């Protein structure tokens, strides 16, 4: 018997950092050594790359709902998605009653923006609580949940990840389970003792 198999790679990014003065290749069809190696491997296995979905050496990219700007070294929601997210949030916020599915979709749409500035996830607490406690397919958002949606819109411009920022040596962890807790012990602390952070 003959069996057919296929490997599908979606959303593969091969990044490289370059000095601006060496960016003479912009707009060309050249590629980095890593990209060239990957393409050679693809050719060796007889695979193909989708020509409309393959881009080499671009300084801006819209990937998985996030706009990556290589020149400013930042990533955030694309402007089009920002407008749609604000419009949908205001629509849900103004309703006297909405479905659980609407809230789930809305909060899901907020996730890419929140991933660009993780601290902003703390603005959504009451709405998650109300969603979790709902025993019906419809719910009426309370005042705290509606305020959180407006707060999210207000701090949306802050939801930007600076790719060139230095990393903090402070380590934190959290556990998403309902009965768990995350604990982290830093290894490079000054004496006299190690500290343990429990979230």
N, C-alpha and C. Protein backbone atom coordinates (compact mmCIF):
# COMPACT_ATOMS: atom_id res chain seq x y z
N UNK A 1 0.83 -1.20 0.00
CA UNK A 1 0.00 0.00 0.00
C UNK A 1 0.87 1.26 0.00
N UNK A 2 0.37 2.28 -0.65
CA UNK A 2 1.09 3.55 -0.73
C UNK A 2 0.37 4.57 0.15
N UNK A 3 1.12 5.20 1.00
CA UNK A 3 0.53 6.21 1.89
C UNK A 3 1.06 7.59 1.52
N UNK A 4 0.18 8.56 1.53
CA UNK A 4 0.58 9.95 1.25
C UNK A 4 0.62 10.73 2.55
N UNK A 5 1.60 11.60 2.70
CA UNK A 5 1.67 12.41 3.90
C UNK A 5 2.08 13.82 3.52
N UNK A 6 1.72 14.76 4.36
CA UNK A 6 2.02 16.15 4.08
C UNK A 6 2.39 16.85 5.37
N UNK A 7 3.37 17.71 5.31
CA UNK A 7 3.75 18.54 6.45
C UNK A 7 3.35 19.97 6.11
N UNK A 8 2.58 20.57 6.98
CA UNK A 8 2.11 21.94 6.75
C UNK A 8 2.69 22.86 7.81
N UNK A 9 3.47 23.83 7.39
CA UNK A 9 4.07 24.79 8.32
C UNK A 9 3.39 26.13 8.09
N UNK A 10 2.74 26.61 9.12
CA UNK A 10 2.01 27.88 9.01
C UNK A 10 2.63 28.91 9.95
N UNK A 11 2.87 30.10 9.42
CA UNK A 11 3.35 31.18 10.27
C UNK A 11 4.79 31.02 10.75
N UNK A 12 5.67 30.52 9.90
CA UNK A 12 7.08 30.39 10.28
C UNK A 12 7.79 31.70 10.02
N UNK A 13 8.39 32.27 11.05
CA UNK A 13 9.15 33.51 10.92
C UNK A 13 10.61 33.23 11.23
N UNK A 14 11.49 33.74 10.37
CA UNK A 14 12.92 33.67 10.61
C UNK A 14 13.41 35.11 10.69
N UNK A 15 13.68 35.56 11.90
CA UNK A 15 14.02 36.96 12.12
C UNK A 15 15.53 37.16 12.11
N UNK A 16 15.92 38.36 11.76
CA UNK A 16 17.32 38.74 11.85
C UNK A 16 17.40 40.22 12.22
N UNK A 17 18.40 40.55 13.02
CA UNK A 17 18.64 41.94 13.40
C UNK A 17 19.78 42.48 12.56
N UNK A 18 19.58 43.66 11.99
CA UNK A 18 20.62 44.26 11.15
C UNK A 18 20.79 45.72 11.53
N UNK A 19 21.93 46.27 11.22
CA UNK A 19 22.17 47.69 11.40
C UNK A 19 21.50 48.44 10.25
N UNK A 20 20.94 49.59 10.55
CA UNK A 20 20.23 50.36 9.53
C UNK A 20 21.14 50.69 8.35
N UNK A 21 22.42 50.94 8.62
CA UNK A 21 23.34 51.31 7.54
C UNK A 21 23.57 50.16 6.57
N UNK A 22 23.25 48.94 7.00
CA UNK A 22 23.43 47.78 6.13
C UNK A 22 22.13 47.34 5.46
N UNK A 23 21.14 48.21 5.47
CA UNK A 23 19.81 47.82 4.98
C UNK A 23 19.64 48.12 3.49
N UNK A 24 20.72 48.04 2.74
CA UNK A 24 20.65 48.35 1.31
C UNK A 24 19.83 47.32 0.53
N UNK A 25 19.55 46.16 1.15
CA UNK A 25 18.80 45.11 0.46
C UNK A 25 17.30 45.32 0.53
N UNK A 26 16.83 46.34 1.23
CA UNK A 26 15.39 46.52 1.40
C UNK A 26 14.71 46.59 0.04
N UNK A 27 13.64 45.86 -0.08
CA UNK A 27 12.89 45.84 -1.33
C UNK A 27 13.45 44.83 -2.32
N UNK A 28 14.54 44.16 -1.98
CA UNK A 28 15.13 43.17 -2.89
C UNK A 28 14.55 41.79 -2.59
N UNK A 29 14.99 40.82 -3.36
CA UNK A 29 14.53 39.44 -3.16
C UNK A 29 15.60 38.60 -2.47
N UNK A 30 16.57 39.25 -1.86
CA UNK A 30 17.62 38.52 -1.16
C UNK A 30 17.07 37.95 0.13
N UNK A 31 17.83 37.05 0.74
CA UNK A 31 17.39 36.47 2.01
C UNK A 31 18.62 36.20 2.87
N UNK A 32 18.37 36.05 4.16
CA UNK A 32 19.46 35.79 5.09
C UNK A 32 19.95 34.36 4.93
N UNK A 33 21.09 34.06 5.58
CA UNK A 33 21.65 32.70 5.50
C UNK A 33 20.67 31.67 6.05
N UNK A 34 19.98 32.03 7.17
CA UNK A 34 19.02 31.10 7.76
C UNK A 34 17.84 30.86 6.83
N UNK A 35 17.37 31.92 6.18
CA UNK A 35 16.26 31.77 5.25
C UNK A 35 16.68 30.94 4.03
N UNK A 36 17.89 31.20 3.54
CA UNK A 36 18.39 30.45 2.39
C UNK A 36 18.51 28.97 2.72
N UNK A 37 18.98 28.66 3.93
CA UNK A 37 19.11 27.27 4.35
C UNK A 37 17.74 26.60 4.42
N UNK A 38 16.76 27.32 4.99
CA UNK A 38 15.41 26.76 5.09
C UNK A 38 14.83 26.47 3.70
N UNK A 39 15.03 27.41 2.79
CA UNK A 39 14.51 27.21 1.43
C UNK A 39 15.19 26.04 0.74
N UNK A 40 16.49 25.84 1.00
CA UNK A 40 17.20 24.71 0.42
C UNK A 40 16.64 23.39 0.95
N UNK A 41 16.37 23.35 2.26
CA UNK A 41 15.78 22.14 2.86
C UNK A 41 14.41 21.86 2.23
N UNK A 42 13.61 22.91 2.05
CA UNK A 42 12.30 22.75 1.43
C UNK A 42 12.44 22.17 0.03
N UNK A 43 13.39 22.70 -0.75
CA UNK A 43 13.61 22.20 -2.12
C UNK A 43 14.08 20.75 -2.11
N UNK A 44 14.96 20.42 -1.17
CA UNK A 44 15.50 19.06 -1.11
C UNK A 44 14.41 18.02 -0.85
N UNK A 45 13.38 18.41 -0.11
CA UNK A 45 12.29 17.48 0.18
C UNK A 45 11.16 17.56 -0.84
N UNK A 46 11.35 18.38 -1.86
CA UNK A 46 10.33 18.50 -2.90
C UNK A 46 9.10 19.26 -2.47
N UNK A 47 9.22 20.02 -1.42
CA UNK A 47 8.09 20.81 -0.93
C UNK A 47 8.04 22.15 -1.65
N UNK A 48 6.98 22.89 -1.41
CA UNK A 48 6.82 24.20 -2.06
C UNK A 48 6.45 25.24 -1.02
N UNK A 49 6.76 26.48 -1.33
CA UNK A 49 6.37 27.62 -0.51
C UNK A 49 5.35 28.43 -1.28
N UNK A 50 4.30 28.84 -0.60
CA UNK A 50 3.26 29.63 -1.26
C UNK A 50 3.85 30.99 -1.63
N UNK A 51 3.87 31.34 -2.92
CA UNK A 51 4.53 32.58 -3.33
C UNK A 51 3.90 33.84 -2.75
N UNK A 52 2.59 33.83 -2.52
CA UNK A 52 1.92 35.03 -2.01
C UNK A 52 2.04 35.14 -0.50
N UNK A 53 2.48 34.07 0.15
CA UNK A 53 2.61 34.09 1.61
C UNK A 53 4.06 34.05 2.06
N UNK A 54 4.97 34.18 1.12
CA UNK A 54 6.40 34.14 1.43
C UNK A 54 7.00 35.51 1.19
N UNK A 55 7.55 36.09 2.24
CA UNK A 55 8.14 37.43 2.16
C UNK A 55 9.54 37.36 2.73
N UNK A 56 10.48 38.00 2.07
CA UNK A 56 11.85 38.02 2.56
C UNK A 56 12.27 39.44 2.91
N UNK A 57 12.95 39.56 4.01
CA UNK A 57 13.58 40.80 4.43
C UNK A 57 12.67 42.02 4.32
N UNK A 58 11.59 41.95 5.03
CA UNK A 58 10.69 43.09 5.13
C UNK A 58 10.79 43.64 6.54
N UNK A 59 10.66 44.95 6.68
CA UNK A 59 10.80 45.55 8.01
C UNK A 59 9.46 45.69 8.72
N UNK A 60 8.38 45.34 8.04
CA UNK A 60 7.06 45.40 8.67
C UNK A 60 6.27 44.16 8.28
N UNK A 61 5.56 43.61 9.24
CA UNK A 61 4.82 42.38 8.98
C UNK A 61 3.59 42.31 9.86
N UNK A 62 2.51 41.82 9.30
CA UNK A 62 1.27 41.60 10.05
C UNK A 62 1.16 40.10 10.28
N UNK A 63 1.50 39.65 11.49
CA UNK A 63 1.57 38.22 11.77
C UNK A 63 0.65 37.84 12.91
N UNK A 64 -0.26 36.91 12.64
CA UNK A 64 -1.14 36.35 13.66
C UNK A 64 -1.88 37.44 14.44
N UNK A 65 -2.34 38.47 13.73
CA UNK A 65 -3.11 39.53 14.35
C UNK A 65 -2.28 40.62 15.01
N UNK A 66 -0.96 40.54 14.89
CA UNK A 66 -0.07 41.54 15.49
C UNK A 66 0.76 42.20 14.39
N UNK A 67 0.88 43.53 14.45
CA UNK A 67 1.70 44.25 13.50
C UNK A 67 3.09 44.43 14.08
N UNK A 68 4.10 43.92 13.39
CA UNK A 68 5.48 44.02 13.84
C UNK A 68 6.19 45.05 12.98
N UNK A 69 6.71 46.09 13.62
CA UNK A 69 7.42 47.15 12.91
C UNK A 69 8.90 47.04 13.25
N UNK A 70 9.69 46.58 12.29
CA UNK A 70 11.10 46.35 12.54
C UNK A 70 11.90 47.63 12.72
N UNK A 71 11.46 48.71 12.09
CA UNK A 71 12.22 49.96 12.20
C UNK A 71 12.09 50.58 13.58
N UNK A 72 10.87 50.60 14.12
CA UNK A 72 10.68 51.18 15.45
C UNK A 72 10.85 50.13 16.55
N UNK A 73 11.05 48.86 16.15
CA UNK A 73 11.23 47.75 17.09
C UNK A 73 10.04 47.62 18.04
N UNK A 74 8.83 47.71 17.48
CA UNK A 74 7.62 47.60 18.29
C UNK A 74 6.64 46.64 17.64
N UNK A 75 5.77 46.09 18.48
CA UNK A 75 4.66 45.31 17.95
C UNK A 75 3.38 45.68 18.70
N UNK A 76 2.29 45.70 17.95
CA UNK A 76 1.00 46.10 18.51
C UNK A 76 -0.10 45.61 17.58
N UNK A 77 -1.34 45.91 17.94
CA UNK A 77 -2.45 45.58 17.06
C UNK A 77 -2.39 46.45 15.81
N UNK A 78 -2.71 45.91 14.64
CA UNK A 78 -2.81 46.76 13.44
C UNK A 78 -3.92 47.79 13.63
N UNK A 79 -3.76 48.95 13.01
CA UNK A 79 -4.73 50.04 13.17
C UNK A 79 -6.15 49.62 12.81
N UNK A 80 -6.30 48.81 11.77
CA UNK A 80 -7.64 48.36 11.36
C UNK A 80 -8.30 47.55 12.46
N UNK A 81 -7.53 46.68 13.08
CA UNK A 81 -8.08 45.84 14.15
C UNK A 81 -8.39 46.66 15.40
N UNK A 82 -7.60 47.71 15.64
CA UNK A 82 -7.86 48.58 16.79
C UNK A 82 -9.24 49.21 16.66
N UNK A 83 -9.54 49.74 15.47
CA UNK A 83 -10.84 50.37 15.23
C UNK A 83 -12.00 49.40 15.41
N UNK A 84 -11.84 48.20 14.87
CA UNK A 84 -12.90 47.19 14.99
C UNK A 84 -13.08 46.73 16.43
N UNK A 85 -11.96 46.59 17.14
CA UNK A 85 -12.03 46.16 18.54
C UNK A 85 -12.74 47.20 19.40
N UNK A 86 -12.43 48.46 19.19
CA UNK A 86 -13.08 49.53 19.95
C UNK A 86 -14.57 49.57 19.64
N UNK A 87 -14.92 49.46 18.36
CA UNK A 87 -16.33 49.51 17.96
C UNK A 87 -17.12 48.36 18.57
N UNK A 88 -16.58 47.15 18.52
CA UNK A 88 -17.28 45.99 19.07
C UNK A 88 -17.38 46.08 20.59
N UNK A 89 -16.32 46.57 21.23
CA UNK A 89 -16.33 46.71 22.69
C UNK A 89 -17.40 47.71 23.12
N UNK A 90 -17.49 48.83 22.42
CA UNK A 90 -18.52 49.84 22.75
C UNK A 90 -19.92 49.29 22.50
N UNK A 91 -20.07 48.49 21.46
CA UNK A 91 -21.38 47.90 21.16
C UNK A 91 -21.82 46.97 22.29
N UNK A 92 -20.91 46.10 22.74
CA UNK A 92 -21.23 45.17 23.83
C UNK A 92 -21.44 45.94 25.13
N UNK A 93 -20.63 46.94 25.38
CA UNK A 93 -20.70 47.71 26.61
C UNK A 93 -22.02 48.46 26.74
N UNK A 94 -22.60 48.85 25.61
CA UNK A 94 -23.85 49.64 25.63
C UNK A 94 -25.10 48.78 25.75
N UNK A 95 -24.97 47.47 25.58
CA UNK A 95 -26.13 46.59 25.63
C UNK A 95 -26.59 46.36 27.07
N UNK A 96 -27.88 46.23 27.22
CA UNK A 96 -28.41 45.90 28.54
C UNK A 96 -28.28 44.41 28.83
N UNK A 97 -28.26 43.61 27.76
CA UNK A 97 -28.13 42.16 27.90
C UNK A 97 -27.39 41.62 26.67
N UNK A 98 -26.46 40.71 26.89
CA UNK A 98 -25.74 40.12 25.76
C UNK A 98 -25.51 38.63 26.03
N UNK A 99 -25.13 37.94 24.99
CA UNK A 99 -24.94 36.49 25.13
C UNK A 99 -23.55 36.19 25.69
N UNK A 100 -23.44 35.03 26.31
CA UNK A 100 -22.15 34.57 26.82
C UNK A 100 -21.16 34.45 25.67
N UNK A 101 -21.65 33.99 24.52
CA UNK A 101 -20.79 33.83 23.36
C UNK A 101 -20.19 35.16 22.93
N UNK A 102 -20.99 36.22 22.96
CA UNK A 102 -20.48 37.55 22.60
C UNK A 102 -19.34 37.98 23.51
N UNK A 103 -19.49 37.75 24.81
CA UNK A 103 -18.45 38.13 25.77
C UNK A 103 -17.20 37.30 25.54
N UNK A 104 -17.38 36.01 25.28
CA UNK A 104 -16.23 35.14 25.02
C UNK A 104 -15.47 35.61 23.78
N UNK A 105 -16.20 35.95 22.72
CA UNK A 105 -15.58 36.43 21.49
C UNK A 105 -14.87 37.75 21.74
N UNK A 106 -15.53 38.66 22.46
CA UNK A 106 -14.94 39.96 22.74
C UNK A 106 -13.63 39.84 23.51
N UNK A 107 -13.64 39.06 24.58
CA UNK A 107 -12.43 38.90 25.38
C UNK A 107 -11.34 38.19 24.58
N UNK A 108 -11.74 37.27 23.70
CA UNK A 108 -10.77 36.61 22.82
C UNK A 108 -10.11 37.60 21.87
N UNK A 109 -10.89 38.57 21.38
CA UNK A 109 -10.35 39.59 20.49
C UNK A 109 -9.38 40.53 21.21
N UNK A 110 -9.54 40.65 22.52
CA UNK A 110 -8.63 41.51 23.30
C UNK A 110 -7.28 40.84 23.55
N UNK A 111 -7.21 39.51 23.45
CA UNK A 111 -5.99 38.80 23.82
C UNK A 111 -4.74 39.21 23.04
N UNK A 112 -4.78 39.37 21.70
CA UNK A 112 -3.55 39.79 21.01
C UNK A 112 -3.02 41.12 21.50
N UNK A 113 -3.92 42.08 21.79
CA UNK A 113 -3.48 43.39 22.29
C UNK A 113 -2.85 43.25 23.67
N UNK A 114 -3.48 42.45 24.53
CA UNK A 114 -2.98 42.26 25.89
C UNK A 114 -1.61 41.57 25.88
N UNK A 115 -1.39 40.68 24.91
CA UNK A 115 -0.10 40.00 24.83
C UNK A 115 1.03 40.96 24.52
N UNK A 116 0.70 42.12 23.96
CA UNK A 116 1.74 43.13 23.70
C UNK A 116 2.12 43.91 24.95
N UNK A 117 1.28 43.88 25.97
CA UNK A 117 1.60 44.53 27.25
C UNK A 117 0.86 43.75 28.33
N UNK A 118 1.51 42.70 28.82
CA UNK A 118 0.84 41.74 29.69
C UNK A 118 0.24 42.34 30.95
N UNK A 119 0.83 43.42 31.45
CA UNK A 119 0.31 44.02 32.68
C UNK A 119 -1.12 44.51 32.51
N UNK A 120 -1.51 44.80 31.27
CA UNK A 120 -2.86 45.33 31.00
C UNK A 120 -3.95 44.28 31.20
N UNK A 121 -3.58 43.02 31.33
CA UNK A 121 -4.58 41.99 31.53
C UNK A 121 -5.30 42.19 32.86
N UNK A 122 -4.67 42.91 33.78
CA UNK A 122 -5.28 43.13 35.09
C UNK A 122 -6.51 44.03 35.03
N UNK A 123 -6.71 44.72 33.91
CA UNK A 123 -7.89 45.60 33.82
C UNK A 123 -9.18 44.80 33.65
N UNK A 124 -9.07 43.54 33.23
CA UNK A 124 -10.26 42.69 33.07
C UNK A 124 -10.33 41.69 34.22
N UNK A 125 -11.14 41.98 35.19
CA UNK A 125 -11.31 41.07 36.32
C UNK A 125 -12.79 40.76 36.55
N UNK A 126 -13.58 41.81 36.73
CA UNK A 126 -15.00 41.62 37.02
C UNK A 126 -15.72 40.94 35.86
N UNK A 127 -15.32 41.26 34.64
CA UNK A 127 -16.02 40.68 33.49
C UNK A 127 -15.71 39.18 33.37
N UNK A 128 -14.48 38.78 33.67
CA UNK A 128 -14.15 37.35 33.67
C UNK A 128 -14.89 36.63 34.79
N UNK A 129 -14.96 37.30 35.93
CA UNK A 129 -15.65 36.72 37.08
C UNK A 129 -17.12 36.50 36.76
N UNK A 130 -17.73 37.51 36.17
CA UNK A 130 -19.15 37.41 35.84
C UNK A 130 -19.38 36.34 34.77
N UNK A 131 -18.49 36.27 33.80
CA UNK A 131 -18.61 35.26 32.75
C UNK A 131 -18.48 33.86 33.33
N UNK A 132 -17.54 33.67 34.25
CA UNK A 132 -17.32 32.36 34.85
C UNK A 132 -18.51 31.92 35.71
N UNK A 133 -19.15 32.87 36.36
CA UNK A 133 -20.26 32.54 37.25
C UNK A 133 -21.60 32.41 36.52
N UNK A 134 -21.63 32.76 35.25
CA UNK A 134 -22.89 32.73 34.51
C UNK A 134 -23.40 31.30 34.36
N UNK A 135 -24.68 31.11 34.63
CA UNK A 135 -25.31 29.80 34.47
C UNK A 135 -26.35 29.83 33.35
N UNK A 136 -26.35 30.89 32.58
CA UNK A 136 -27.29 31.03 31.49
C UNK A 136 -26.53 31.39 30.22
N UNK A 137 -27.19 31.34 29.08
CA UNK A 137 -26.52 31.71 27.83
C UNK A 137 -26.57 33.22 27.60
N UNK A 138 -27.26 33.92 28.50
CA UNK A 138 -27.29 35.38 28.44
C UNK A 138 -26.89 35.95 29.79
N UNK A 139 -26.35 37.17 29.76
CA UNK A 139 -26.03 37.83 31.02
C UNK A 139 -26.10 39.34 30.87
N UNK A 140 -26.32 39.99 32.00
CA UNK A 140 -26.32 41.44 32.06
C UNK A 140 -25.03 41.88 32.73
N UNK A 141 -24.20 42.56 31.99
CA UNK A 141 -22.93 43.01 32.56
C UNK A 141 -23.18 44.01 33.68
N UNK A 142 -22.53 43.81 34.81
CA UNK A 142 -22.68 44.77 35.91
C UNK A 142 -21.83 46.01 35.65
N UNK A 143 -21.95 46.99 36.51
CA UNK A 143 -21.24 48.25 36.33
C UNK A 143 -19.73 48.11 36.30
N UNK A 144 -19.20 47.21 37.15
CA UNK A 144 -17.75 47.01 37.19
C UNK A 144 -17.25 46.43 35.87
N UNK A 145 -17.98 45.46 35.32
CA UNK A 145 -17.58 44.85 34.06
C UNK A 145 -17.62 45.87 32.91
N UNK A 146 -18.66 46.70 32.89
CA UNK A 146 -18.76 47.72 31.85
C UNK A 146 -17.66 48.76 31.98
N UNK A 147 -17.31 49.11 33.23
CA UNK A 147 -16.21 50.05 33.44
C UNK A 147 -14.88 49.48 32.95
N UNK A 148 -14.71 48.18 33.13
CA UNK A 148 -13.48 47.54 32.68
C UNK A 148 -13.34 47.59 31.16
N UNK A 149 -14.46 47.44 30.46
CA UNK A 149 -14.40 47.53 29.00
C UNK A 149 -13.98 48.93 28.55
N UNK A 150 -14.51 49.96 29.22
CA UNK A 150 -14.10 51.33 28.89
C UNK A 150 -12.64 51.56 29.27
N UNK A 151 -12.21 50.99 30.38
CA UNK A 151 -10.81 51.11 30.79
C UNK A 151 -9.90 50.47 29.75
N UNK A 152 -10.31 49.31 29.25
CA UNK A 152 -9.52 48.63 28.22
C UNK A 152 -9.32 49.51 27.00
N UNK A 153 -10.39 50.19 26.58
CA UNK A 153 -10.30 51.10 25.43
C UNK A 153 -9.34 52.25 25.74
N UNK A 154 -9.42 52.77 26.96
CA UNK A 154 -8.56 53.91 27.35
C UNK A 154 -7.08 53.56 27.35
N UNK A 155 -6.75 52.35 27.78
CA UNK A 155 -5.33 51.98 27.86
C UNK A 155 -4.85 51.20 26.64
N UNK A 156 -5.72 51.04 25.64
CA UNK A 156 -5.33 50.33 24.42
C UNK A 156 -4.07 50.92 23.77
N UNK A 157 -3.90 52.25 23.75
CA UNK A 157 -2.66 52.79 23.16
C UNK A 157 -1.39 52.37 23.90
N UNK A 158 -1.52 51.92 25.14
CA UNK A 158 -0.35 51.47 25.90
C UNK A 158 0.02 50.03 25.58
N UNK A 159 -0.85 49.31 24.88
CA UNK A 159 -0.62 47.89 24.61
C UNK A 159 0.32 47.75 23.41
N UNK A 160 1.57 48.10 23.65
CA UNK A 160 2.63 48.04 22.64
C UNK A 160 3.83 47.34 23.26
N UNK A 161 4.40 46.42 22.53
CA UNK A 161 5.58 45.71 23.01
C UNK A 161 6.81 46.29 22.34
N UNK A 162 7.74 46.80 23.13
CA UNK A 162 8.99 47.34 22.59
C UNK A 162 10.01 46.21 22.51
N UNK A 163 10.28 45.77 21.29
CA UNK A 163 11.14 44.61 21.09
C UNK A 163 12.59 44.88 21.48
N UNK A 164 12.99 46.14 21.47
CA UNK A 164 14.36 46.46 21.81
C UNK A 164 14.58 46.77 23.28
N UNK A 165 13.53 46.68 24.08
CA UNK A 165 13.65 47.01 25.50
C UNK A 165 14.49 45.97 26.22
N UNK A 166 15.21 46.42 27.24
CA UNK A 166 15.99 45.48 28.03
C UNK A 166 15.05 44.66 28.92
N UNK A 167 15.42 43.43 29.15
CA UNK A 167 14.60 42.54 29.97
C UNK A 167 14.92 42.74 31.44
N UNK A 168 13.89 42.72 32.24
CA UNK A 168 14.08 42.81 33.69
C UNK A 168 14.58 41.49 34.22
N UNK A 169 15.42 41.54 35.27
CA UNK A 169 15.89 40.30 35.87
C UNK A 169 14.93 39.76 36.92
N UNK A 170 13.82 40.48 37.13
CA UNK A 170 12.81 39.99 38.06
C UNK A 170 11.98 38.92 37.38
N UNK A 171 11.81 37.80 38.03
CA UNK A 171 11.07 36.68 37.45
C UNK A 171 9.77 36.50 38.21
N UNK A 172 8.66 36.42 37.48
CA UNK A 172 7.36 36.18 38.11
C UNK A 172 6.67 35.04 37.39
N UNK A 173 5.70 34.46 38.06
CA UNK A 173 4.92 33.38 37.45
C UNK A 173 3.52 33.40 38.01
N UNK A 174 2.60 32.89 37.25
CA UNK A 174 1.23 32.78 37.73
C UNK A 174 0.62 31.48 37.23
N UNK A 175 -0.40 31.04 37.90
CA UNK A 175 -1.07 29.79 37.56
C UNK A 175 -2.51 30.11 37.21
N UNK A 176 -2.94 29.72 36.02
CA UNK A 176 -4.28 30.06 35.57
C UNK A 176 -5.36 29.15 36.17
N UNK A 177 -4.97 28.09 36.86
CA UNK A 177 -5.98 27.19 37.43
C UNK A 177 -6.71 27.87 38.58
N UNK A 178 -7.90 27.37 38.88
CA UNK A 178 -8.74 28.00 39.90
C UNK A 178 -8.23 27.75 41.32
N UNK A 179 -7.48 26.66 41.51
CA UNK A 179 -7.04 26.34 42.88
C UNK A 179 -5.53 26.29 43.01
N UNK A 180 -4.80 26.72 41.99
CA UNK A 180 -3.34 26.63 42.04
C UNK A 180 -2.68 27.95 42.37
N UNK A 181 -1.38 27.93 42.44
CA UNK A 181 -0.60 29.15 42.69
C UNK A 181 0.77 28.97 42.07
N UNK A 182 1.32 30.07 41.56
CA UNK A 182 2.65 30.01 40.96
C UNK A 182 3.68 30.50 41.94
N UNK A 183 4.82 29.87 41.99
CA UNK A 183 5.90 30.30 42.89
C UNK A 183 7.20 30.34 42.12
N UNK A 184 7.99 31.37 42.36
CA UNK A 184 9.26 31.53 41.67
C UNK A 184 10.34 31.89 42.68
N UNK A 185 11.48 31.26 42.58
CA UNK A 185 12.64 31.63 43.39
C UNK A 185 13.72 32.14 42.45
N UNK A 186 14.15 33.38 42.65
CA UNK A 186 15.22 33.93 41.83
C UNK A 186 16.55 33.36 42.29
N UNK A 187 17.44 33.12 41.34
CA UNK A 187 18.72 32.51 41.69
C UNK A 187 19.83 33.53 41.86
N UNK A 188 19.70 34.73 41.30
CA UNK A 188 20.76 35.73 41.38
C UNK A 188 20.34 36.87 42.28
N UNK A 189 20.18 36.59 43.55
CA UNK A 189 19.78 37.60 44.51
C UNK A 189 20.95 37.95 45.42
N UNK A 190 20.89 39.16 45.93
CA UNK A 190 21.90 39.56 46.90
C UNK A 190 21.62 38.88 48.23
N UNK A 191 22.64 38.70 49.00
CA UNK A 191 22.47 38.12 50.34
C UNK A 191 21.67 39.09 51.20
N UNK A 192 21.07 38.70 52.28
CA UNK A 192 21.35 37.47 53.01
C UNK A 192 20.55 36.24 52.57
N UNK A 193 19.35 36.41 52.02
CA UNK A 193 18.56 35.21 51.72
C UNK A 193 17.88 35.35 50.38
N UNK A 194 17.45 34.23 49.86
CA UNK A 194 16.63 34.24 48.67
C UNK A 194 15.21 34.62 49.04
N UNK A 195 14.57 35.27 48.10
CA UNK A 195 13.16 35.59 48.31
C UNK A 195 12.30 34.75 47.39
N UNK A 196 11.16 34.39 47.85
CA UNK A 196 10.23 33.60 47.02
C UNK A 196 8.98 34.44 46.81
N UNK A 197 8.61 34.59 45.56
CA UNK A 197 7.42 35.35 45.20
C UNK A 197 6.30 34.39 44.90
N UNK A 198 5.22 34.50 45.63
CA UNK A 198 4.05 33.65 45.40
C UNK A 198 2.92 34.50 44.87
N UNK A 199 2.36 34.08 43.75
CA UNK A 199 1.26 34.82 43.13
C UNK A 199 -0.05 34.08 43.34
